[in-house]
Amino acid sequence: MLKVIVMGVAGCGKSSVGQAVAARLGAQYFDGDDLHPQSNIDKMAAGTPLNDTDRAPWLDKVGMALAEATEPTLIGCSALKRAYRNRIRAACPQTQFAHLMGDRAVIEGRMSARSGHFMPVSLLDSQFATLEPLQANEAGFAVDIAQDLDAVVQQMIACLSYPNS
């Protein structure tokens, strides 16, 4: 069964892409931000990056939500470090990771244009500093977000259809 983490730094489009892919595939989508404890949201909203200790219980919740899903599921979750992805995989070994990659300037522009989100643009540098891209021996693939949403969605669906190509 399809179990995917749509990963990447804040503002890369995890929610938009994840929702669109899920709709096209007849899957469900969850925003991992909804699984953060309020203390994490408050910390980020105040402009303070999360540390590994802050993220650990959240990553466990993300992994368990994916493991317990009874239908094809995508969850948006930054999953910035390999150790974070390993923690998710410990709960749900069949997880695939779809890394939405993009240029910092593109992502900053998108973050600046959105409203109603707790993550300030000021934390983008810490996100990039923490990011460890997927490695060749991890189940997943990267998608360049410097294209329109439909192209990103189509590329992601193609990669999910042929995960070993």
Protein backbone atom coordinates (compact mmCIF):
# COMPACT_ATOMS: atom_id res chain seq x y z
CA MET A 1 0.00 0.00 0.00
CA LEU A 2 1.19 3.51 -0.84
CA LYS A 3 2.65 5.26 2.23
CA VAL A 4 4.49 8.46 1.36
CA ILE A 5 6.08 11.32 3.24
CA VAL A 6 6.07 14.50 1.15
CA MET A 7 9.22 16.10 2.52
CA GLY A 8 11.23 19.28 2.23
CA VAL A 9 11.93 22.60 3.87
CA ALA A 10 9.14 24.91 4.97
CA GLY A 11 7.39 26.58 2.06
CA CYS A 12 8.39 24.02 -0.59
CA GLY A 13 4.77 23.07 -1.26
CA LYS A 14 4.28 19.91 0.77
CA SER A 15 0.61 20.62 1.44
CA SER A 16 -0.31 21.83 -2.06
CA VAL A 17 1.51 19.01 -3.81
CA GLY A 18 0.50 16.35 -1.29
CA GLN A 19 -3.18 17.27 -1.50
CA ALA A 20 -3.11 17.35 -5.31
CA VAL A 21 -1.31 14.01 -5.63
CA ALA A 22 -3.62 12.38 -3.09
CA ALA A 23 -6.68 13.64 -4.96
CA ARG A 24 -5.36 12.30 -8.28
CA LEU A 25 -4.48 8.90 -6.77
CA GLY A 26 -7.59 8.51 -4.61
CA ALA A 27 -5.42 8.57 -1.50
CA GLN A 28 -5.71 10.51 1.74
CA TYR A 29 -3.44 13.40 2.71
CA PHE A 30 -2.54 14.61 6.19
CA ASP A 31 -0.54 17.69 7.07
CA GLY A 32 2.17 16.71 9.53
CA ASP A 33 1.99 20.20 11.02
CA ASP A 34 -1.33 19.15 12.56
CA LEU A 35 0.55 16.54 14.62
CA HIS A 36 2.92 19.05 16.26
CA PRO A 37 2.35 19.71 19.94
CA GLN A 38 1.32 23.31 20.63
CA SER A 39 4.72 23.94 22.26
CA ASN A 40 6.45 23.27 18.92
CA ILE A 41 4.08 25.56 17.04
CA ASP A 42 4.57 28.31 19.62
CA LYS A 43 8.35 27.94 19.40
CA MET A 44 8.39 28.16 15.60
CA ALA A 45 5.88 31.03 15.55
CA ALA A 46 8.25 32.92 17.86
CA GLY A 47 11.06 32.42 15.31
CA THR A 48 12.95 29.73 17.21
CA PRO A 49 13.96 26.63 15.25
CA LEU A 50 13.04 23.24 16.63
CA ASN A 51 15.81 20.95 17.84
CA ASP A 52 16.00 17.17 17.67
CA THR A 53 14.42 16.82 21.12
CA ASP A 54 11.46 18.98 20.05
CA ARG A 55 10.99 16.98 16.86
CA ALA A 56 11.26 13.44 18.30
CA PRO A 57 7.69 12.99 19.62
CA TRP A 58 6.29 14.69 16.52
CA LEU A 59 8.22 12.36 14.20
CA ASP A 60 6.95 9.39 16.19
CA LYS A 61 3.37 10.62 15.70
CA VAL A 62 3.97 11.07 11.96
CA GLY A 63 5.41 7.55 11.65
CA MET A 64 2.56 6.00 13.63
CA ALA A 65 -0.09 7.88 11.62
CA LEU A 66 1.42 6.51 8.43
CA ALA A 67 1.82 3.00 9.85
CA GLU A 68 -1.80 2.93 11.06
CA ALA A 69 -3.26 4.22 7.79
CA THR A 70 -5.59 1.66 6.23
CA GLU A 71 -5.69 3.27 2.79
CA PRO A 72 -3.07 4.86 0.51
CA THR A 73 -1.74 7.84 2.46
CA LEU A 74 0.53 10.83 1.99
CA ILE A 75 1.71 12.96 4.91
CA GLY A 76 3.47 16.29 4.59
CA CYS A 77 6.46 16.32 6.95
CA SER A 78 9.77 18.15 6.60
CA ALA A 79 11.80 15.00 7.44
CA LEU A 80 14.91 17.14 7.05
CA LYS A 81 17.53 14.73 8.43
CA ARG A 82 18.18 11.11 7.63
CA ALA A 83 17.85 10.37 11.36
CA TYR A 84 14.32 11.84 11.23
CA ARG A 85 13.45 9.71 8.21
CA ASN A 86 14.89 6.65 9.98
CA ARG A 87 12.64 7.39 12.94
CA ILE A 88 9.59 7.49 10.65
CA ARG A 89 10.74 4.30 8.89
CA ALA A 90 11.10 2.57 12.27
CA ALA A 91 7.34 3.01 12.73
CA CYS A 92 6.42 2.40 9.07
CA PRO A 93 9.15 0.51 7.18
CA GLN A 94 7.42 0.72 3.78
CA THR A 95 7.55 4.54 3.77
CA GLN A 96 8.66 6.27 0.57
CA PHE A 97 9.93 9.85 0.69
CA ALA A 98 9.11 12.39 -2.02
CA HIS A 99 11.58 15.26 -1.56
CA LEU A 100 10.30 18.57 -2.95
CA MET A 101 13.52 20.42 -3.76
CA GLY A 102 13.83 24.03 -4.74
CA ASP A 103 16.00 27.09 -4.79
CA ARG A 104 15.96 29.15 -1.60
CA ALA A 105 14.81 32.30 -3.42
CA VAL A 106 11.82 30.48 -4.95
CA ILE A 107 10.80 29.06 -1.59
CA GLU A 108 11.26 32.38 0.21
CA GLY A 109 9.00 34.04 -2.36
CA ARG A 110 6.32 31.42 -1.80
CA MET A 111 6.59 31.67 1.99
CA SER A 112 6.34 35.46 1.84
CA ALA A 113 3.16 35.22 -0.23
CA ARG A 114 1.29 32.79 2.03
CA SER A 115 -0.83 33.87 4.95
CA GLY A 116 -2.11 32.17 8.06
CA HIS A 117 0.87 29.86 8.61
CA PHE A 118 2.86 29.84 11.85
CA MET A 119 6.27 29.30 10.20
CA PRO A 120 8.05 32.62 9.61
CA VAL A 121 10.38 33.19 6.65
CA SER A 122 13.12 33.90 9.20
CA LEU A 123 13.37 30.14 9.91
CA LEU A 124 14.06 29.20 6.29
CA ASP A 125 17.85 29.39 6.70
CA SER A 126 17.71 27.00 9.68
CA GLN A 127 15.62 24.61 7.57
CA PHE A 128 18.21 24.60 4.78
CA ALA A 129 21.06 24.26 7.32
CA THR A 130 19.38 21.16 8.81
CA LEU A 131 18.40 19.58 5.47
CA GLU A 132 20.11 16.32 4.53
CA PRO A 133 18.84 15.38 1.05
CA LEU A 134 17.72 11.84 0.40
CA GLN A 135 20.60 9.43 -0.12
CA ALA A 136 20.80 6.81 -2.85
CA ASN A 137 20.04 3.97 -0.43
CA GLU A 138 16.83 5.60 0.89
CA ALA A 139 13.44 4.70 -0.57
CA GLY A 140 12.37 7.84 -2.33
CA PHE A 141 13.00 10.41 -5.03
CA ALA A 142 13.36 14.15 -5.53
CA VAL A 143 11.10 16.46 -7.50
CA ASP A 144 12.19 19.94 -8.62
CA ILE A 145 9.56 22.49 -7.58
CA ALA A 146 10.78 25.13 -10.05
CA GLN A 147 7.93 24.13 -12.34
CA ASP A 148 4.20 24.71 -12.12
CA LEU A 149 2.12 22.72 -9.65
CA ASP A 150 0.61 20.42 -12.28
CA ALA A 151 4.07 19.46 -13.59
CA VAL A 152 5.29 18.76 -10.04
CA VAL A 153 2.22 16.63 -9.37
CA GLN A 154 2.63 14.70 -12.65
CA GLN A 155 6.32 14.06 -11.96
CA MET A 156 5.59 12.85 -8.46
CA ILE A 157 2.84 10.52 -9.64
CA ALA A 158 5.17 9.10 -12.29
CA CYS A 159 7.83 8.44 -9.64
CA LEU A 160 5.31 6.81 -7.33
CA SER A 161 4.08 4.62 -10.16
CA TYR A 162 7.62 3.50 -10.93
CA PRO A 163 9.51 3.88 -7.65
CA ASN A 164 12.49 1.80 -8.79
CA SER A 165 13.13 3.57 -12.07
